[in-house]
Amino acid sequence: MPKTERLRKPREFRRVYDGGRRFDGRFMTVFIKRSETSFQRLGITASRKLSTKAHDRNRCKRLLREAFRLSRAELSGLETKFDWVLNARRSLLQVRLDRPLAEFRQIIEKVKIFESQKGENTFK
């Protein structure tokens, strides 16, 4: 994933957390905010609260990154470009890719519905 498509600075994450929408799932919590760029950007977090072992946190981040990558087609169907922050949850440690991928795609569908119902000012 190119650097331009990633959230890298703490202020970019803070902007999404403070001003965006939150969607909770079993394996992840998703925060989104309208992007200032013309493409979707991704930030992923996996805290030590998730696991004290770095290899566990890295695996969770890989799963979420892959779920995002495999969902590009669904993301391109959104009218608005968003900055996405995916926070891993502990239950992600126990599963394979198919379950978080399905959950992320369900969240994208919720975003599509929410976007169509609320209009322009929904995601600030």
N, C-alpha and C. Protein backbone atom coordinates (compact mmCIF):
# COMPACT_ATOMS: atom_id res chain seq x y z
N MET A 1 0.86 -1.17 0.00
CA MET A 1 0.00 0.00 0.00
C MET A 1 0.91 1.24 0.00
N PRO A 2 0.73 2.13 -0.96
CA PRO A 2 1.58 3.32 -1.03
C PRO A 2 1.41 4.23 0.19
N LYS A 3 2.46 4.96 0.51
CA LYS A 3 2.43 5.86 1.67
C LYS A 3 1.32 6.89 1.57
N THR A 4 1.00 7.30 0.36
CA THR A 4 -0.05 8.31 0.19
C THR A 4 -1.43 7.79 0.59
N GLU A 5 -1.60 6.48 0.62
CA GLU A 5 -2.89 5.88 0.97
C GLU A 5 -2.95 5.42 2.42
N ARG A 6 -1.99 5.85 3.22
CA ARG A 6 -1.96 5.47 4.63
C ARG A 6 -2.05 6.70 5.52
N LEU A 7 -2.68 6.52 6.66
CA LEU A 7 -2.63 7.53 7.71
C LEU A 7 -1.38 7.23 8.52
N ARG A 8 -0.51 8.22 8.68
CA ARG A 8 0.76 7.94 9.33
C ARG A 8 1.03 8.83 10.53
N LYS A 9 0.49 10.01 10.53
CA LYS A 9 0.79 10.96 11.60
C LYS A 9 -0.29 10.92 12.68
N PRO A 10 0.12 11.12 13.92
CA PRO A 10 -0.87 11.13 15.01
C PRO A 10 -2.00 12.13 14.80
N ARG A 11 -1.71 13.27 14.21
CA ARG A 11 -2.78 14.25 14.00
C ARG A 11 -3.81 13.77 12.97
N GLU A 12 -3.38 12.93 12.02
CA GLU A 12 -4.32 12.36 11.05
C GLU A 12 -5.26 11.38 11.74
N PHE A 13 -4.72 10.55 12.62
CA PHE A 13 -5.55 9.62 13.39
C PHE A 13 -6.50 10.41 14.30
N ARG A 14 -5.98 11.43 14.97
CA ARG A 14 -6.78 12.23 15.90
C ARG A 14 -7.95 12.89 15.18
N ARG A 15 -7.71 13.38 13.96
CA ARG A 15 -8.76 14.03 13.17
C ARG A 15 -9.91 13.05 12.91
N VAL A 16 -9.58 11.80 12.61
CA VAL A 16 -10.60 10.79 12.34
C VAL A 16 -11.33 10.41 13.63
N TYR A 17 -10.58 10.21 14.71
CA TYR A 17 -11.20 9.85 15.99
C TYR A 17 -12.13 10.95 16.48
N ASP A 18 -11.68 12.18 16.42
CA ASP A 18 -12.44 13.29 17.01
C ASP A 18 -13.64 13.72 16.18
N GLY A 19 -13.51 13.66 14.85
CA GLY A 19 -14.57 14.23 14.04
C GLY A 19 -15.35 13.25 13.19
N GLY A 20 -15.05 11.97 13.30
CA GLY A 20 -15.68 11.01 12.40
C GLY A 20 -16.77 10.17 13.04
N ARG A 21 -17.17 9.16 12.32
CA ARG A 21 -18.20 8.20 12.76
C ARG A 21 -17.54 6.92 13.22
N ARG A 22 -18.22 6.22 14.11
CA ARG A 22 -17.69 4.98 14.67
C ARG A 22 -18.66 3.84 14.36
N PHE A 23 -18.09 2.71 13.94
CA PHE A 23 -18.85 1.49 13.70
C PHE A 23 -18.16 0.36 14.46
N ASP A 24 -18.89 -0.28 15.36
CA ASP A 24 -18.32 -1.35 16.18
C ASP A 24 -18.66 -2.71 15.59
N GLY A 25 -17.66 -3.57 15.56
CA GLY A 25 -17.85 -4.94 15.12
C GLY A 25 -17.25 -5.89 16.15
N ARG A 26 -17.35 -7.15 15.87
CA ARG A 26 -16.82 -8.14 16.80
C ARG A 26 -15.29 -8.20 16.77
N PHE A 27 -14.71 -7.99 15.59
CA PHE A 27 -13.26 -8.12 15.43
C PHE A 27 -12.53 -6.79 15.30
N MET A 28 -13.28 -5.72 15.09
CA MET A 28 -12.65 -4.42 14.89
C MET A 28 -13.63 -3.30 15.23
N THR A 29 -13.06 -2.16 15.51
CA THR A 29 -13.83 -0.93 15.61
C THR A 29 -13.35 -0.05 14.47
N VAL A 30 -14.28 0.50 13.71
CA VAL A 30 -13.94 1.28 12.53
C VAL A 30 -14.36 2.73 12.75
N PHE A 31 -13.42 3.63 12.52
CA PHE A 31 -13.70 5.06 12.56
C PHE A 31 -13.51 5.59 11.14
N ILE A 32 -14.45 6.42 10.68
CA ILE A 32 -14.29 7.00 9.35
C ILE A 32 -14.61 8.49 9.38
N LYS A 33 -13.94 9.19 8.51
CA LYS A 33 -14.20 10.62 8.33
C LYS A 33 -13.93 10.95 6.87
N ARG A 34 -14.69 11.88 6.35
CA ARG A 34 -14.51 12.31 4.97
C ARG A 34 -13.05 12.69 4.74
N SER A 35 -12.47 12.17 3.68
CA SER A 35 -11.05 12.39 3.40
C SER A 35 -10.83 13.76 2.77
N GLU A 36 -9.68 14.33 3.07
CA GLU A 36 -9.29 15.60 2.44
C GLU A 36 -8.61 15.34 1.10
N THR A 37 -8.38 14.07 0.79
CA THR A 37 -7.75 13.69 -0.48
C THR A 37 -8.80 13.09 -1.41
N SER A 38 -8.38 12.70 -2.59
CA SER A 38 -9.32 12.15 -3.56
C SER A 38 -9.31 10.62 -3.57
N PHE A 39 -8.79 10.01 -2.51
CA PHE A 39 -8.76 8.55 -2.44
C PHE A 39 -8.95 8.10 -0.99
N GLN A 40 -9.23 6.80 -0.84
CA GLN A 40 -9.41 6.21 0.49
C GLN A 40 -8.04 6.07 1.15
N ARG A 41 -7.96 6.42 2.45
CA ARG A 41 -6.71 6.22 3.19
C ARG A 41 -7.00 5.35 4.41
N LEU A 42 -5.99 4.60 4.83
CA LEU A 42 -6.16 3.62 5.90
C LEU A 42 -5.13 3.82 7.01
N GLY A 43 -5.60 3.70 8.24
CA GLY A 43 -4.73 3.65 9.41
C GLY A 43 -5.18 2.47 10.26
N ILE A 44 -4.22 1.74 10.82
CA ILE A 44 -4.55 0.56 11.62
C ILE A 44 -3.85 0.66 12.97
N THR A 45 -4.59 0.31 14.03
CA THR A 45 -3.99 0.27 15.36
C THR A 45 -4.24 -1.08 16.01
N ALA A 46 -3.25 -1.52 16.77
CA ALA A 46 -3.36 -2.73 17.58
C ALA A 46 -2.56 -2.46 18.85
N SER A 47 -3.24 -2.15 19.92
CA SER A 47 -2.56 -1.71 21.14
C SER A 47 -2.02 -2.88 21.95
N ARG A 48 -1.20 -2.57 22.94
CA ARG A 48 -0.68 -3.61 23.83
C ARG A 48 -1.79 -4.21 24.68
N LYS A 49 -2.88 -3.50 24.79
CA LYS A 49 -4.03 -4.05 25.50
C LYS A 49 -4.57 -5.28 24.76
N LEU A 50 -4.41 -5.28 23.45
CA LEU A 50 -4.82 -6.41 22.61
C LEU A 50 -3.97 -7.64 22.94
N SER A 51 -2.65 -7.44 22.94
CA SER A 51 -1.71 -8.50 23.28
C SER A 51 -0.37 -7.86 23.59
N THR A 52 0.33 -8.42 24.55
CA THR A 52 1.66 -7.89 24.86
C THR A 52 2.70 -8.38 23.87
N LYS A 53 2.34 -9.36 23.05
CA LYS A 53 3.29 -9.94 22.10
C LYS A 53 3.18 -9.23 20.75
N ALA A 54 4.32 -8.72 20.29
CA ALA A 54 4.35 -7.96 19.04
C ALA A 54 3.88 -8.81 17.86
N HIS A 55 4.23 -10.09 17.84
CA HIS A 55 3.84 -10.90 16.68
C HIS A 55 2.32 -11.06 16.60
N ASP A 56 1.63 -11.06 17.74
CA ASP A 56 0.16 -11.11 17.72
C ASP A 56 -0.42 -9.81 17.17
N ARG A 57 0.12 -8.69 17.65
CA ARG A 57 -0.37 -7.39 17.16
C ARG A 57 -0.09 -7.23 15.67
N ASN A 58 1.08 -7.67 15.23
CA ASN A 58 1.41 -7.58 13.80
C ASN A 58 0.48 -8.45 12.96
N ARG A 59 0.14 -9.63 13.45
CA ARG A 59 -0.79 -10.50 12.72
C ARG A 59 -2.15 -9.83 12.58
N CYS A 60 -2.62 -9.21 13.64
CA CYS A 60 -3.91 -8.52 13.59
C CYS A 60 -3.86 -7.39 12.56
N LYS A 61 -2.78 -6.65 12.56
CA LYS A 61 -2.66 -5.55 11.59
C LYS A 61 -2.62 -6.09 10.16
N ARG A 62 -1.92 -7.21 9.96
CA ARG A 62 -1.89 -7.82 8.61
C ARG A 62 -3.28 -8.25 8.17
N LEU A 63 -4.05 -8.86 9.08
CA LEU A 63 -5.41 -9.29 8.74
C LEU A 63 -6.28 -8.10 8.35
N LEU A 64 -6.21 -7.03 9.11
CA LEU A 64 -7.03 -5.86 8.81
C LEU A 64 -6.59 -5.19 7.51
N ARG A 65 -5.29 -5.12 7.28
CA ARG A 65 -4.79 -4.54 6.03
C ARG A 65 -5.25 -5.35 4.83
N GLU A 66 -5.23 -6.67 4.96
CA GLU A 66 -5.66 -7.54 3.87
C GLU A 66 -7.17 -7.43 3.65
N ALA A 67 -7.94 -7.33 4.71
CA ALA A 67 -9.39 -7.15 4.57
C ALA A 67 -9.68 -5.86 3.81
N PHE A 68 -8.95 -4.81 4.12
CA PHE A 68 -9.12 -3.53 3.42
C PHE A 68 -8.76 -3.69 1.94
N ARG A 69 -7.64 -4.34 1.68
CA ARG A 69 -7.18 -4.52 0.30
C ARG A 69 -8.18 -5.33 -0.52
N LEU A 70 -8.70 -6.41 0.06
CA LEU A 70 -9.64 -7.26 -0.67
C LEU A 70 -11.01 -6.61 -0.84
N SER A 71 -11.26 -5.55 -0.12
CA SER A 71 -12.55 -4.86 -0.20
C SER A 71 -12.48 -3.61 -1.09
N ARG A 72 -11.44 -3.48 -1.87
CA ARG A 72 -11.28 -2.30 -2.73
C ARG A 72 -12.48 -2.09 -3.66
N ALA A 73 -13.02 -3.18 -4.20
CA ALA A 73 -14.15 -3.05 -5.13
C ALA A 73 -15.35 -2.42 -4.42
N GLU A 74 -15.63 -2.87 -3.20
CA GLU A 74 -16.75 -2.31 -2.43
C GLU A 74 -16.47 -0.85 -2.06
N LEU A 75 -15.22 -0.56 -1.73
CA LEU A 75 -14.86 0.81 -1.36
C LEU A 75 -15.00 1.77 -2.54
N SER A 76 -14.72 1.27 -3.74
CA SER A 76 -14.84 2.14 -4.92
C SER A 76 -16.30 2.48 -5.21
N GLY A 77 -17.23 1.69 -4.66
CA GLY A 77 -18.65 1.97 -4.84
C GLY A 77 -19.16 3.10 -3.97
N LEU A 78 -18.35 3.55 -3.02
CA LEU A 78 -18.76 4.67 -2.17
C LEU A 78 -18.60 5.99 -2.93
N GLU A 79 -19.58 6.86 -2.79
CA GLU A 79 -19.50 8.16 -3.46
C GLU A 79 -18.44 9.04 -2.82
N THR A 80 -18.31 8.94 -1.51
CA THR A 80 -17.39 9.78 -0.76
C THR A 80 -16.11 9.01 -0.47
N LYS A 81 -14.99 9.71 -0.50
CA LYS A 81 -13.72 9.10 -0.12
C LYS A 81 -13.51 9.36 1.37
N PHE A 82 -13.09 8.33 2.10
CA PHE A 82 -12.95 8.41 3.54
C PHE A 82 -11.53 8.10 4.00
N ASP A 83 -11.21 8.63 5.18
CA ASP A 83 -10.05 8.16 5.93
C ASP A 83 -10.59 7.12 6.89
N TRP A 84 -10.00 5.94 6.89
CA TRP A 84 -10.46 4.82 7.71
C TRP A 84 -9.42 4.53 8.78
N VAL A 85 -9.86 4.36 10.02
CA VAL A 85 -8.99 3.86 11.09
C VAL A 85 -9.62 2.57 11.60
N LEU A 86 -8.88 1.48 11.52
CA LEU A 86 -9.36 0.19 11.99
C LEU A 86 -8.61 -0.16 13.27
N ASN A 87 -9.34 -0.33 14.35
CA ASN A 87 -8.76 -0.74 15.63
C ASN A 87 -9.04 -2.22 15.84
N ALA A 88 -7.99 -2.99 16.01
CA ALA A 88 -8.13 -4.44 16.21
C ALA A 88 -8.69 -4.73 17.60
N ARG A 89 -9.50 -5.76 17.68
CA ARG A 89 -10.01 -6.24 18.96
C ARG A 89 -9.41 -7.61 19.25
N ARG A 90 -9.43 -7.99 20.51
CA ARG A 90 -8.79 -9.23 20.96
C ARG A 90 -9.35 -10.46 20.24
N SER A 91 -10.62 -10.47 19.91
CA SER A 91 -11.22 -11.63 19.25
C SER A 91 -10.60 -11.90 17.87
N LEU A 92 -9.93 -10.91 17.30
CA LEU A 92 -9.28 -11.07 16.00
C LEU A 92 -8.12 -12.06 16.07
N LEU A 93 -7.56 -12.24 17.26
CA LEU A 93 -6.43 -13.17 17.44
C LEU A 93 -6.81 -14.61 17.16
N GLN A 94 -8.09 -14.94 17.28
CA GLN A 94 -8.53 -16.34 17.22
C GLN A 94 -9.06 -16.78 15.86
N VAL A 95 -9.10 -15.89 14.88
CA VAL A 95 -9.78 -16.22 13.62
C VAL A 95 -8.87 -16.08 12.41
N ARG A 96 -9.37 -16.62 11.31
CA ARG A 96 -8.69 -16.47 10.02
C ARG A 96 -9.27 -15.27 9.29
N LEU A 97 -8.76 -15.00 8.11
CA LEU A 97 -9.10 -13.80 7.36
C LEU A 97 -10.57 -13.71 6.97
N ASP A 98 -11.24 -14.82 6.69
CA ASP A 98 -12.59 -14.76 6.14
C ASP A 98 -13.58 -14.04 7.06
N ARG A 99 -13.46 -14.20 8.37
CA ARG A 99 -14.43 -13.57 9.28
C ARG A 99 -14.24 -12.06 9.40
N PRO A 100 -13.02 -11.56 9.60
CA PRO A 100 -12.88 -10.10 9.62
C PRO A 100 -13.17 -9.47 8.25
N LEU A 101 -12.88 -10.19 7.18
CA LEU A 101 -13.20 -9.68 5.84
C LEU A 101 -14.70 -9.51 5.68
N ALA A 102 -15.47 -10.52 6.08
CA ALA A 102 -16.93 -10.44 5.99
C ALA A 102 -17.46 -9.31 6.87
N GLU A 103 -16.90 -9.16 8.06
CA GLU A 103 -17.35 -8.09 8.95
C GLU A 103 -17.04 -6.72 8.36
N PHE A 104 -15.85 -6.55 7.78
CA PHE A 104 -15.49 -5.26 7.19
C PHE A 104 -16.42 -4.94 6.02
N ARG A 105 -16.75 -5.94 5.22
CA ARG A 105 -17.67 -5.70 4.10
C ARG A 105 -19.07 -5.32 4.59
N GLN A 106 -19.50 -5.90 5.72
CA GLN A 106 -20.79 -5.50 6.31
C GLN A 106 -20.75 -4.05 6.77
N ILE A 107 -19.64 -3.65 7.34
CA ILE A 107 -19.49 -2.26 7.79
C ILE A 107 -19.52 -1.32 6.59
N ILE A 108 -18.89 -1.71 5.49
CA ILE A 108 -18.94 -0.89 4.28
C ILE A 108 -20.38 -0.72 3.81
N GLU A 109 -21.16 -1.81 3.87
CA GLU A 109 -22.58 -1.71 3.49
C GLU A 109 -23.33 -0.76 4.41
N LYS A 110 -23.04 -0.80 5.71
CA LYS A 110 -23.67 0.14 6.64
C LYS A 110 -23.31 1.57 6.29
N VAL A 111 -22.06 1.78 5.93
CA VAL A 111 -21.61 3.13 5.54
C VAL A 111 -22.35 3.58 4.29
N LYS A 112 -22.53 2.68 3.32
CA LYS A 112 -23.26 3.03 2.09
C LYS A 112 -24.69 3.45 2.41
N ILE A 113 -25.36 2.68 3.27
CA ILE A 113 -26.74 2.99 3.65
C ILE A 113 -26.78 4.32 4.39
N PHE A 114 -25.89 4.48 5.33
CA PHE A 114 -25.85 5.70 6.13
C PHE A 114 -25.56 6.91 5.24
N GLU A 115 -24.64 6.73 4.30
CA GLU A 115 -24.27 7.80 3.38
C GLU A 115 -25.46 8.22 2.51
N SER A 116 -26.22 7.25 2.03
CA SER A 116 -27.35 7.56 1.15
C SER A 116 -28.51 8.19 1.92
N GLN A 117 -28.70 7.82 3.18
CA GLN A 117 -29.81 8.37 3.96
C GLN A 117 -29.55 9.78 4.46
N LYS A 118 -28.34 10.02 4.91
CA LYS A 118 -28.05 11.26 5.60
C LYS A 118 -27.58 12.39 4.70
N GLY A 119 -26.99 12.06 3.57
CA GLY A 119 -26.56 13.12 2.67
C GLY A 119 -25.17 13.65 2.96
N GLU A 120 -24.95 14.90 2.58
CA GLU A 120 -23.63 15.50 2.57
C GLU A 120 -22.98 15.69 3.93
N ASN A 121 -23.72 16.13 4.93
CA ASN A 121 -23.11 16.53 6.19
C ASN A 121 -22.91 15.39 7.19
N THR A 122 -23.16 14.18 6.78
CA THR A 122 -23.11 13.05 7.69
C THR A 122 -21.72 12.81 8.26
N PHE A 123 -20.71 12.83 7.43
CA PHE A 123 -19.37 12.45 7.86
C PHE A 123 -18.44 13.64 7.99
N LYS A 124 -19.00 14.81 8.01
CA LYS A 124 -18.28 16.07 8.22
C LYS A 124 -17.23 16.25 7.19
